[in-house]
Amino acid sequence: MVGVYFGWIHTPQTISNTSLSALRADYATDYVLMVAETYEGNNDLALASYQLAYLGGEKPLFFVQKAIISGESLGYTVEDMVSLATLASAFQTLDNPVKTP
């Protein structure tokens, strides 16, 4: 009980200047996977871009590609890897539109 008093009331910790860019690689990969699963449900690429922007200033495709590499080493399931690949494909199409003559 005394520990709770000191930890929560007498000397509480304040959290400041935190962002998703400070996440460990495995947590960041999980976050990107959640974005990919959301994208599968709603096909809203703008929302996915917005959600991935919290990870930093790189293009969204960078974070998805990084998550694919990390997901392979973390032993993600085939379904999870397909979700990430689907999102990566959507961003690649956006970055490289097909030109018609």
PDB file of N, CA and C in Angstrom:
ATOM      1  N   MET A   1       0.808  -1.190   0.000  1.00  0.00           N
ATOM      2  CA  MET A   1       0.000   0.000   0.000  1.00  0.00           C
ATOM      3  C   MET A   1       0.865   1.272   0.000  1.00  0.00           C
ATOM      4  N   VAL A   2       1.964   1.232   0.721  1.00  0.00           N
ATOM      5  CA  VAL A   2       2.868   2.375   0.776  1.00  0.00           C
ATOM      6  C   VAL A   2       3.497   2.599  -0.596  1.00  0.00           C
ATOM      7  N   GLY A   3       3.828   1.494  -1.292  1.00  0.00           N
ATOM      8  CA  GLY A   3       4.406   1.605  -2.629  1.00  0.00           C
ATOM      9  C   GLY A   3       3.457   2.260  -3.615  1.00  0.00           C
ATOM     10  N   VAL A   4       2.182   1.930  -3.501  1.00  0.00           N
ATOM     11  CA  VAL A   4       1.179   2.533  -4.376  1.00  0.00           C
ATOM     12  C   VAL A   4       1.093   4.031  -4.119  1.00  0.00           C
ATOM     13  N   TYR A   5       1.111   4.405  -2.835  1.00  0.00           N
ATOM     14  CA  TYR A   5       1.065   5.824  -2.494  1.00  0.00           C
ATOM     15  C   TYR A   5       2.237   6.577  -3.113  1.00  0.00           C
ATOM     16  N   PHE A   6       3.452   6.057  -2.935  1.00  0.00           N
ATOM     17  CA  PHE A   6       4.622   6.742  -3.477  1.00  0.00           C
ATOM     18  C   PHE A   6       4.623   6.727  -5.004  1.00  0.00           C
ATOM     19  N   GLY A   7       4.203   5.631  -5.608  1.00  0.00           N
ATOM     20  CA  GLY A   7       4.233   5.519  -7.058  1.00  0.00           C
ATOM     21  C   GLY A   7       3.168   6.322  -7.771  1.00  0.00           C
ATOM     22  N   TRP A   8       1.988   6.406  -7.189  1.00  0.00           N
ATOM     23  CA  TRP A   8       0.866   7.046  -7.880  1.00  0.00           C
ATOM     24  C   TRP A   8       0.547   8.450  -7.369  1.00  0.00           C
ATOM     25  N   ILE A   9       0.827   8.711  -6.103  1.00  0.00           N
ATOM     26  CA  ILE A   9       0.393   9.980  -5.539  1.00  0.00           C
ATOM     27  C   ILE A   9       1.584  10.886  -5.208  1.00  0.00           C
ATOM     28  N   HIS A  10       2.549  10.362  -4.494  1.00  0.00           N
ATOM     29  CA  HIS A  10       3.655  11.199  -4.043  1.00  0.00           C
ATOM     30  C   HIS A  10       4.627  11.540  -5.183  1.00  0.00           C
ATOM     31  N   THR A  11       5.012  10.574  -5.992  1.00  0.00           N
ATOM     32  CA  THR A  11       5.972  10.824  -7.080  1.00  0.00           C
ATOM     33  C   THR A  11       5.491  10.219  -8.398  1.00  0.00           C
ATOM     34  N   PRO A  12       4.369  10.702  -8.900  1.00  0.00           N
ATOM     35  CA  PRO A  12       3.880  10.133 -10.168  1.00  0.00           C
ATOM     36  C   PRO A  12       4.796  10.495 -11.333  1.00  0.00           C
ATOM     37  N   GLN A  13       4.893   9.595 -12.278  1.00  0.00           N
ATOM     38  CA  GLN A  13       5.699   9.831 -13.473  1.00  0.00           C
ATOM     39  C   GLN A  13       4.848  10.547 -14.517  1.00  0.00           C
ATOM     40  N   THR A  14       5.457  11.463 -15.213  1.00  0.00           N
ATOM     41  CA  THR A  14       4.761  12.132 -16.305  1.00  0.00           C
ATOM     42  C   THR A  14       5.353  11.636 -17.620  1.00  0.00           C
ATOM     43  N   ILE A  15       4.495  11.493 -18.577  1.00  0.00           N
ATOM     44  CA  ILE A  15       4.909  11.048 -19.896  1.00  0.00           C
ATOM     45  C   ILE A  15       4.802  12.237 -20.835  1.00  0.00           C
ATOM     46  N   SER A  16       5.883  12.498 -21.543  1.00  0.00           N
ATOM     47  CA  SER A  16       5.861  13.623 -22.475  1.00  0.00           C
ATOM     48  C   SER A  16       6.726  13.296 -23.675  1.00  0.00           C
ATOM     49  N   ASN A  17       6.408  13.944 -24.779  1.00  0.00           N
ATOM     50  CA  ASN A  17       7.177  13.812 -26.010  1.00  0.00           C
ATOM     51  C   ASN A  17       7.329  12.357 -26.469  1.00  0.00           C
ATOM     52  N   THR A  18       6.257  11.630 -26.437  1.00  0.00           N
ATOM     53  CA  THR A  18       6.306  10.260 -26.935  1.00  0.00           C
ATOM     54  C   THR A  18       5.549  10.190 -28.251  1.00  0.00           C
ATOM     55  N   SER A  19       5.972   9.279 -29.089  1.00  0.00           N
ATOM     56  CA  SER A  19       5.292   9.081 -30.364  1.00  0.00           C
ATOM     57  C   SER A  19       5.431   7.621 -30.759  1.00  0.00           C
ATOM     58  N   LEU A  20       4.665   7.236 -31.749  1.00  0.00           N
ATOM     59  CA  LEU A  20       4.747   5.863 -32.214  1.00  0.00           C
ATOM     60  C   LEU A  20       6.092   5.570 -32.864  1.00  0.00           C
ATOM     61  N   SER A  21       6.796   6.578 -33.279  1.00  0.00           N
ATOM     62  CA  SER A  21       8.113   6.347 -33.887  1.00  0.00           C
ATOM     63  C   SER A  21       9.114   5.793 -32.873  1.00  0.00           C
ATOM     64  N   ALA A  22       8.796   5.891 -31.583  1.00  0.00           N
ATOM     65  CA  ALA A  22       9.682   5.380 -30.544  1.00  0.00           C
ATOM     66  C   ALA A  22       9.398   3.918 -30.205  1.00  0.00           C
ATOM     67  N   LEU A  23       8.445   3.299 -30.895  1.00  0.00           N
ATOM     68  CA  LEU A  23       8.114   1.903 -30.612  1.00  0.00           C
ATOM     69  C   LEU A  23       9.258   0.968 -30.969  1.00  0.00           C
ATOM     70  N   ARG A  24       9.383  -0.105 -30.204  1.00  0.00           N
ATOM     71  CA  ARG A  24      10.322  -1.169 -30.574  1.00  0.00           C
ATOM     72  C   ARG A  24       9.880  -1.745 -31.908  1.00  0.00           C
ATOM     73  N   ALA A  25      10.802  -2.361 -32.609  1.00  0.00           N
ATOM     74  CA  ALA A  25      10.524  -2.873 -33.958  1.00  0.00           C
ATOM     75  C   ALA A  25       9.371  -3.868 -33.975  1.00  0.00           C
ATOM     76  N   ASP A  26       9.284  -4.750 -32.982  1.00  0.00           N
ATOM     77  CA  ASP A  26       8.203  -5.734 -32.986  1.00  0.00           C
ATOM     78  C   ASP A  26       6.849  -5.091 -32.746  1.00  0.00           C
ATOM     79  N   TYR A  27       6.794  -4.068 -31.896  1.00  0.00           N
ATOM     80  CA  TYR A  27       5.529  -3.364 -31.678  1.00  0.00           C
ATOM     81  C   TYR A  27       5.143  -2.535 -32.899  1.00  0.00           C
ATOM     82  N   ALA A  28       6.109  -1.911 -33.533  1.00  0.00           N
ATOM     83  CA  ALA A  28       5.832  -1.147 -34.751  1.00  0.00           C
ATOM     84  C   ALA A  28       5.309  -2.072 -35.846  1.00  0.00           C
ATOM     85  N   THR A  29       5.874  -3.269 -35.930  1.00  0.00           N
ATOM     86  CA  THR A  29       5.412  -4.248 -36.914  1.00  0.00           C
ATOM     87  C   THR A  29       3.975  -4.659 -36.619  1.00  0.00           C
ATOM     88  N   ASP A  30       3.658  -4.866 -35.354  1.00  0.00           N
ATOM     89  CA  ASP A  30       2.279  -5.191 -34.968  1.00  0.00           C
ATOM     90  C   ASP A  30       1.330  -4.048 -35.323  1.00  0.00           C
ATOM     91  N   TYR A  31       1.777  -2.820 -35.110  1.00  0.00           N
ATOM     92  CA  TYR A  31       0.953  -1.663 -35.452  1.00  0.00           C
ATOM     93  C   TYR A  31       0.666  -1.624 -36.948  1.00  0.00           C
ATOM     94  N   VAL A  32       1.696  -1.825 -37.756  1.00  0.00           N
ATOM     95  CA  VAL A  32       1.510  -1.821 -39.216  1.00  0.00           C
ATOM     96  C   VAL A  32       0.569  -2.960 -39.620  1.00  0.00           C
ATOM     97  N   LEU A  33       0.688  -4.108 -38.969  1.00  0.00           N
ATOM     98  CA  LEU A  33      -0.220  -5.220 -39.263  1.00  0.00           C
ATOM     99  C   LEU A  33      -1.658  -4.837 -38.933  1.00  0.00           C
ATOM    100  N   MET A  34      -1.882  -4.142 -37.827  1.00  0.00           N
ATOM    101  CA  MET A  34      -3.240  -3.694 -37.495  1.00  0.00           C
ATOM    102  C   MET A  34      -3.767  -2.728 -38.550  1.00  0.00           C
ATOM    103  N   VAL A  35      -2.899  -1.856 -39.044  1.00  0.00           N
ATOM    104  CA  VAL A  35      -3.307  -0.935 -40.119  1.00  0.00           C
ATOM    105  C   VAL A  35      -3.673  -1.737 -41.366  1.00  0.00           C
ATOM    106  N   ALA A  36      -2.872  -2.758 -41.687  1.00  0.00           N
ATOM    107  CA  ALA A  36      -3.135  -3.592 -42.867  1.00  0.00           C
ATOM    108  C   ALA A  36      -4.459  -4.337 -42.731  1.00  0.00           C
ATOM    109  N   GLU A  37      -4.738  -4.843 -41.542  1.00  0.00           N
ATOM    110  CA  GLU A  37      -6.003  -5.549 -41.324  1.00  0.00           C
ATOM    111  C   GLU A  37      -7.188  -4.601 -41.414  1.00  0.00           C
ATOM    112  N   THR A  38      -7.010  -3.375 -40.945  1.00  0.00           N
ATOM    113  CA  THR A  38      -8.060  -2.369 -41.081  1.00  0.00           C
ATOM    114  C   THR A  38      -8.281  -2.038 -42.552  1.00  0.00           C
ATOM    115  N   TYR A  39      -7.185  -1.920 -43.295  1.00  0.00           N
ATOM    116  CA  TYR A  39      -7.291  -1.636 -44.722  1.00  0.00           C
ATOM    117  C   TYR A  39      -8.049  -2.743 -45.447  1.00  0.00           C
ATOM    118  N   GLU A  40      -7.811  -3.994 -45.073  1.00  0.00           N
ATOM    119  CA  GLU A  40      -8.533  -5.104 -45.700  1.00  0.00           C
ATOM    120  C   GLU A  40     -10.037  -4.981 -45.476  1.00  0.00           C
ATOM    121  N   GLY A  41     -10.419  -4.428 -44.335  1.00  0.00           N
ATOM    122  CA  GLY A  41     -11.839  -4.297 -44.013  1.00  0.00           C
ATOM    123  C   GLY A  41     -12.527  -3.124 -44.678  1.00  0.00           C
ATOM    124  N   ASN A  42     -11.783  -2.037 -44.931  1.00  0.00           N
ATOM    125  CA  ASN A  42     -12.460  -0.845 -45.454  1.00  0.00           C
ATOM    126  C   ASN A  42     -11.894  -0.300 -46.766  1.00  0.00           C
ATOM    127  N   ASN A  43     -10.749  -0.818 -47.222  1.00  0.00           N
ATOM    128  CA  ASN A  43     -10.104  -0.365 -48.464  1.00  0.00           C
ATOM    129  C   ASN A  43      -9.902   1.151 -48.507  1.00  0.00           C
ATOM    130  N   ASP A  44      -9.649   1.744 -47.368  1.00  0.00           N
ATOM    131  CA  ASP A  44      -9.439   3.187 -47.285  1.00  0.00           C
ATOM    132  C   ASP A  44      -7.940   3.462 -47.179  1.00  0.00           C
ATOM    133  N   LEU A  45      -7.313   3.687 -48.322  1.00  0.00           N
ATOM    134  CA  LEU A  45      -5.873   3.905 -48.367  1.00  0.00           C
ATOM    135  C   LEU A  45      -5.483   5.227 -47.710  1.00  0.00           C
ATOM    136  N   ALA A  46      -6.356   6.212 -47.785  1.00  0.00           N
ATOM    137  CA  ALA A  46      -6.067   7.493 -47.135  1.00  0.00           C
ATOM    138  C   ALA A  46      -5.999   7.321 -45.620  1.00  0.00           C
ATOM    139  N   LEU A  47      -6.906   6.527 -45.064  1.00  0.00           N
ATOM    140  CA  LEU A  47      -6.880   6.260 -43.627  1.00  0.00           C
ATOM    141  C   LEU A  47      -5.624   5.486 -43.246  1.00  0.00           C
ATOM    142  N   ALA A  48      -5.246   4.515 -44.045  1.00  0.00           N
ATOM    143  CA  ALA A  48      -4.033   3.751 -43.776  1.00  0.00           C
ATOM    144  C   ALA A  48      -2.808   4.668 -43.807  1.00  0.00           C
ATOM    145  N   SER A  49      -2.755   5.573 -44.772  1.00  0.00           N
ATOM    146  CA  SER A  49      -1.649   6.534 -44.850  1.00  0.00           C
ATOM    147  C   SER A  49      -1.602   7.407 -43.605  1.00  0.00           C
ATOM    148  N   TYR A  50      -2.761   7.858 -43.187  1.00  0.00           N
ATOM    149  CA  TYR A  50      -2.865   8.700 -41.995  1.00  0.00           C
ATOM    150  C   TYR A  50      -2.368   7.949 -40.762  1.00  0.00           C
ATOM    151  N   GLN A  51      -2.772   6.694 -40.624  1.00  0.00           N
ATOM    152  CA  GLN A  51      -2.376   5.899 -39.466  1.00  0.00           C
ATOM    153  C   GLN A  51      -0.869   5.616 -39.481  1.00  0.00           C
ATOM    154  N   LEU A  52      -0.305   5.367 -40.635  1.00  0.00           N
ATOM    155  CA  LEU A  52       1.125   5.074 -40.736  1.00  0.00           C
ATOM    156  C   LEU A  52       1.978   6.323 -40.561  1.00  0.00           C
ATOM    157  N   ALA A  53       1.401   7.490 -40.790  1.00  0.00           N
ATOM    158  CA  ALA A  53       2.149   8.742 -40.619  1.00  0.00           C
ATOM    159  C   ALA A  53       2.594   8.931 -39.171  1.00  0.00           C
ATOM    160  N   TYR A  54       1.910   8.298 -38.237  1.00  0.00           N
ATOM    161  CA  TYR A  54       2.301   8.396 -36.829  1.00  0.00           C
ATOM    162  C   TYR A  54       3.646   7.730 -36.552  1.00  0.00           C
ATOM    163  N   LEU A  55       4.094   6.866 -37.462  1.00  0.00           N
ATOM    164  CA  LEU A  55       5.362   6.164 -37.267  1.00  0.00           C
ATOM    165  C   LEU A  55       6.571   7.009 -37.658  1.00  0.00           C
ATOM    166  N   GLY A  56       6.348   8.098 -38.361  1.00  0.00           N
ATOM    167  CA  GLY A  56       7.462   8.966 -38.743  1.00  0.00           C
ATOM    168  C   GLY A  56       7.230   9.632 -40.073  1.00  0.00           C
ATOM    169  N   GLY A  57       8.274  10.272 -40.574  1.00  0.00           N
ATOM    170  CA  GLY A  57       8.162  11.085 -41.772  1.00  0.00           C
ATOM    171  C   GLY A  57       8.386  10.367 -43.087  1.00  0.00           C
ATOM    172  N   GLU A  58       8.633   9.071 -43.067  1.00  0.00           N
ATOM    173  CA  GLU A  58       8.841   8.322 -44.304  1.00  0.00           C
ATOM    174  C   GLU A  58       7.512   8.085 -45.028  1.00  0.00           C
ATOM    175  N   LYS A  59       7.613   7.641 -46.278  1.00  0.00           N
ATOM    176  CA  LYS A  59       6.409   7.272 -47.022  1.00  0.00           C
ATOM    177  C   LYS A  59       5.790   6.034 -46.384  1.00  0.00           C
ATOM    178  N   PRO A  60       4.472   5.895 -46.456  1.00  0.00           N
ATOM    179  CA  PRO A  60       3.800   4.740 -45.845  1.00  0.00           C
ATOM    180  C   PRO A  60       4.341   3.404 -46.341  1.00  0.00           C
ATOM    181  N   LEU A  61       4.680   3.329 -47.624  1.00  0.00           N
ATOM    182  CA  LEU A  61       5.196   2.075 -48.182  1.00  0.00           C
ATOM    183  C   LEU A  61       6.461   1.627 -47.454  1.00  0.00           C
ATOM    184  N   PHE A  62       7.299   2.560 -47.037  1.00  0.00           N
ATOM    185  CA  PHE A  62       8.521   2.235 -46.307  1.00  0.00           C
ATOM    186  C   PHE A  62       8.200   1.446 -45.037  1.00  0.00           C
ATOM    187  N   PHE A  63       7.194   1.911 -44.292  1.00  0.00           N
ATOM    188  CA  PHE A  63       6.838   1.249 -43.038  1.00  0.00           C
ATOM    189  C   PHE A  63       6.246  -0.135 -43.283  1.00  0.00           C
ATOM    190  N   VAL A  64       5.486  -0.274 -44.361  1.00  0.00           N
ATOM    191  CA  VAL A  64       4.899  -1.579 -44.675  1.00  0.00           C
ATOM    192  C   VAL A  64       5.998  -2.551 -45.100  1.00  0.00           C
ATOM    193  N   GLN A  65       6.919  -2.093 -45.920  1.00  0.00           N
ATOM    194  CA  GLN A  65       8.018  -2.962 -46.343  1.00  0.00           C
ATOM    195  C   GLN A  65       8.881  -3.374 -45.146  1.00  0.00           C
ATOM    196  N   LYS A  66       9.124  -2.455 -44.265  1.00  0.00           N
ATOM    197  CA  LYS A  66       9.889  -2.745 -43.055  1.00  0.00           C
ATOM    198  C   LYS A  66       9.154  -3.777 -42.198  1.00  0.00           C
ATOM    199  N   ALA A  67       7.832  -3.646 -42.120  1.00  0.00           N
ATOM    200  CA  ALA A  67       7.023  -4.598 -41.349  1.00  0.00           C
ATOM    201  C   ALA A  67       7.036  -5.983 -41.988  1.00  0.00           C
ATOM    202  N   ILE A  68       7.074  -6.049 -43.304  1.00  0.00           N
ATOM    203  CA  ILE A  68       7.144  -7.344 -43.983  1.00  0.00           C
ATOM    204  C   ILE A  68       8.450  -8.047 -43.632  1.00  0.00           C
ATOM    205  N   ILE A  69       9.534  -7.307 -43.665  1.00  0.00           N
ATOM    206  CA  ILE A  69      10.834  -7.892 -43.320  1.00  0.00           C
ATOM    207  C   ILE A  69      10.839  -8.348 -41.860  1.00  0.00           C
ATOM    208  N   SER A  70      10.348  -7.498 -40.968  1.00  0.00           N
ATOM    209  CA  SER A  70      10.302  -7.857 -39.554  1.00  0.00           C
ATOM    210  C   SER A  70       9.335  -8.997 -39.302  1.00  0.00           C
ATOM    211  N   GLY A  71       8.200  -8.987 -39.994  1.00  0.00           N
ATOM    212  CA  GLY A  71       7.201 -10.036 -39.819  1.00  0.00           C
ATOM    213  C   GLY A  71       7.732 -11.407 -40.182  1.00  0.00           C
ATOM    214  N   GLU A  72       8.551 -11.457 -41.216  1.00  0.00           N
ATOM    215  CA  GLU A  72       9.161 -12.739 -41.600  1.00  0.00           C
ATOM    216  C   GLU A  72      10.074 -13.251 -40.493  1.00  0.00           C
ATOM    217  N   SER A  73      10.871 -12.362 -39.931  1.00  0.00           N
ATOM    218  CA  SER A  73      11.805 -12.798 -38.881  1.00  0.00           C
ATOM    219  C   SER A  73      11.083 -13.094 -37.563  1.00  0.00           C
ATOM    220  N   LEU A  74       9.922 -12.475 -37.353  1.00  0.00           N
ATOM    221  CA  LEU A  74       9.158 -12.716 -36.129  1.00  0.00           C
ATOM    222  C   LEU A  74       8.228 -13.929 -36.246  1.00  0.00           C
ATOM    223  N   GLY A  75       8.164 -14.527 -37.436  1.00  0.00           N
ATOM    224  CA  GLY A  75       7.339 -15.717 -37.620  1.00  0.00           C
ATOM    225  C   GLY A  75       5.855 -15.429 -37.771  1.00  0.00           C
ATOM    226  N   TYR A  76       5.515 -14.322 -38.408  1.00  0.00           N
ATOM    227  CA  TYR A  76       4.104 -14.010 -38.648  1.00  0.00           C
ATOM    228  C   TYR A  76       3.476 -15.097 -39.505  1.00  0.00           C
ATOM    229  N   THR A  77       2.176 -15.273 -39.352  1.00  0.00           N
ATOM    230  CA  THR A  77       1.460 -16.283 -40.124  1.00  0.00           C
ATOM    231  C   THR A  77       1.365 -15.858 -41.588  1.00  0.00           C
ATOM    232  N   VAL A  78       1.032 -16.810 -42.428  1.00  0.00           N
ATOM    233  CA  VAL A  78       0.865 -16.523 -43.853  1.00  0.00           C
ATOM    234  C   VAL A  78      -0.239 -15.484 -44.048  1.00  0.00           C
ATOM    235  N   GLU A  79      -1.314 -15.602 -43.293  1.00  0.00           N
ATOM    236  CA  GLU A  79      -2.423 -14.652 -43.403  1.00  0.00           C
ATOM    237  C   GLU A  79      -1.969 -13.233 -43.070  1.00  0.00           C
ATOM    238  N   ASP A  80      -1.160 -13.104 -42.027  1.00  0.00           N
ATOM    239  CA  ASP A  80      -0.646 -11.783 -41.660  1.00  0.00           C
ATOM    240  C   ASP A  80       0.261 -11.217 -42.745  1.00  0.00           C
ATOM    241  N   MET A  81       1.107 -12.075 -43.302  1.00  0.00           N
ATOM    242  CA  MET A  81       2.011 -11.622 -44.364  1.00  0.00           C
ATOM    243  C   MET A  81       1.230 -11.217 -45.612  1.00  0.00           C
ATOM    244  N   VAL A  82       0.136 -11.923 -45.898  1.00  0.00           N
ATOM    245  CA  VAL A  82      -0.711 -11.565 -47.044  1.00  0.00           C
ATOM    246  C   VAL A  82      -1.357 -10.202 -46.800  1.00  0.00           C
ATOM    247  N   SER A  83      -1.796  -9.945 -45.571  1.00  0.00           N
ATOM    248  CA  SER A  83      -2.381  -8.639 -45.237  1.00  0.00           C
ATOM    249  C   SER A  83      -1.373  -7.523 -45.472  1.00  0.00           C
ATOM    250  N   LEU A  84      -0.143  -7.733 -45.017  1.00  0.00           N
ATOM    251  CA  LEU A  84       0.897  -6.725 -45.221  1.00  0.00           C
ATOM    252  C   LEU A  84       1.212  -6.551 -46.703  1.00  0.00           C
ATOM    253  N   ALA A  85       1.265  -7.658 -47.426  1.00  0.00           N
ATOM    254  CA  ALA A  85       1.566  -7.592 -48.862  1.00  0.00           C
ATOM    255  C   ALA A  85       0.457  -6.866 -49.621  1.00  0.00           C
ATOM    256  N   THR A  86      -0.775  -7.081 -49.216  1.00  0.00           N
ATOM    257  CA  THR A  86      -1.902  -6.400 -49.863  1.00  0.00           C
ATOM    258  C   THR A  86      -1.800  -4.891 -49.678  1.00  0.00           C
ATOM    259  N   LEU A  87      -1.459  -4.478 -48.470  1.00  0.00           N
ATOM    260  CA  LEU A  87      -1.303  -3.044 -48.218  1.00  0.00           C
ATOM    261  C   LEU A  87      -0.108  -2.478 -48.981  1.00  0.00           C
ATOM    262  N   ALA A  88       0.989  -3.218 -49.014  1.00  0.00           N
ATOM    263  CA  ALA A  88       2.162  -2.771 -49.770  1.00  0.00           C
ATOM    264  C   ALA A  88       1.824  -2.613 -51.239  1.00  0.00           C
ATOM    265  N   SER A  89       1.083  -3.565 -51.781  1.00  0.00           N
ATOM    266  CA  SER A  89       0.684  -3.508 -53.188  1.00  0.00           C
ATOM    267  C   SER A  89      -0.173  -2.272 -53.465  1.00  0.00           C
ATOM    268  N   ALA A  90      -1.058  -1.952 -52.545  1.00  0.00           N
ATOM    269  CA  ALA A  90      -1.910  -0.766 -52.720  1.00  0.00           C
ATOM    270  C   ALA A  90      -1.066   0.505 -52.744  1.00  0.00           C
ATOM    271  N   PHE A  91      -0.086   0.585 -51.863  1.00  0.00           N
ATOM    272  CA  PHE A  91       0.783   1.765 -51.847  1.00  0.00           C
ATOM    273  C   PHE A  91       1.698   1.810 -53.065  1.00  0.00           C
ATOM    274  N   GLN A  92       2.153   0.659 -53.550  1.00  0.00           N
ATOM    275  CA  GLN A  92       2.988   0.633 -54.751  1.00  0.00           C
ATOM    276  C   GLN A  92       2.191   1.115 -55.955  1.00  0.00           C
ATOM    277  N   THR A  93       0.948   0.728 -56.048  1.00  0.00           N
ATOM    278  CA  THR A  93       0.088   1.173 -57.144  1.00  0.00           C
ATOM    279  C   THR A  93      -0.102   2.682 -57.083  1.00  0.00           C
ATOM    280  N   LEU A  94      -0.234   3.203 -55.874  1.00  0.00           N
ATOM    281  CA  LEU A  94      -0.393   4.639 -55.689  1.00  0.00           C
ATOM    282  C   LEU A  94       0.870   5.383 -56.089  1.00  0.00           C
ATOM    283  N   ASP A  95       2.042   4.822 -55.737  1.00  0.00           N
ATOM    284  CA  ASP A  95       3.322   5.483 -56.057  1.00  0.00           C
ATOM    285  C   ASP A  95       3.711   5.323 -57.520  1.00  0.00           C
ATOM    286  N   ASN A  96       3.243   4.253 -58.168  1.00  0.00           N
ATOM    287  CA  ASN A  96       3.600   3.975 -59.559  1.00  0.00           C
ATOM    288  C   ASN A  96       2.336   3.754 -60.405  1.00  0.00           C
ATOM    289  N   PRO A  97       1.603   4.810 -60.679  1.00  0.00           N
ATOM    290  CA  PRO A  97       0.375   4.616 -61.462  1.00  0.00           C
ATOM    291  C   PRO A  97       0.681   4.122 -62.882  1.00  0.00           C
ATOM    292  N   VAL A  98      -0.240   3.368 -63.408  1.00  0.00           N
ATOM    293  CA  VAL A  98      -0.089   2.820 -64.763  1.00  0.00           C
ATOM    294  C   VAL A  98      -0.357   3.943 -65.758  1.00  0.00           C
ATOM    295  N   LYS A  99       0.594   4.132 -66.678  1.00  0.00           N
ATOM    296  CA  LYS A  99       0.434   5.171 -67.696  1.00  0.00           C
ATOM    297  C   LYS A  99      -0.173   4.567 -68.929  1.00  0.00           C
ATOM    298  N   THR A 100      -1.187   5.223 -69.434  1.00  0.00           N
ATOM    299  CA  THR A 100      -1.819   4.746 -70.682  1.00  0.00           C
ATOM    300  C   THR A 100      -1.371   5.642 -71.827  1.00  0.00           C
ATOM    301  N   PRO A 101      -1.103   5.034 -72.979  1.00  0.00           N
ATOM    302  CA  PRO A 101      -0.640   5.826 -74.119  1.00  0.00           C
ATOM    303  C   PRO A 101      -1.725   6.712 -74.703  1.00  0.00           C
TER     304      PRO A 101
END
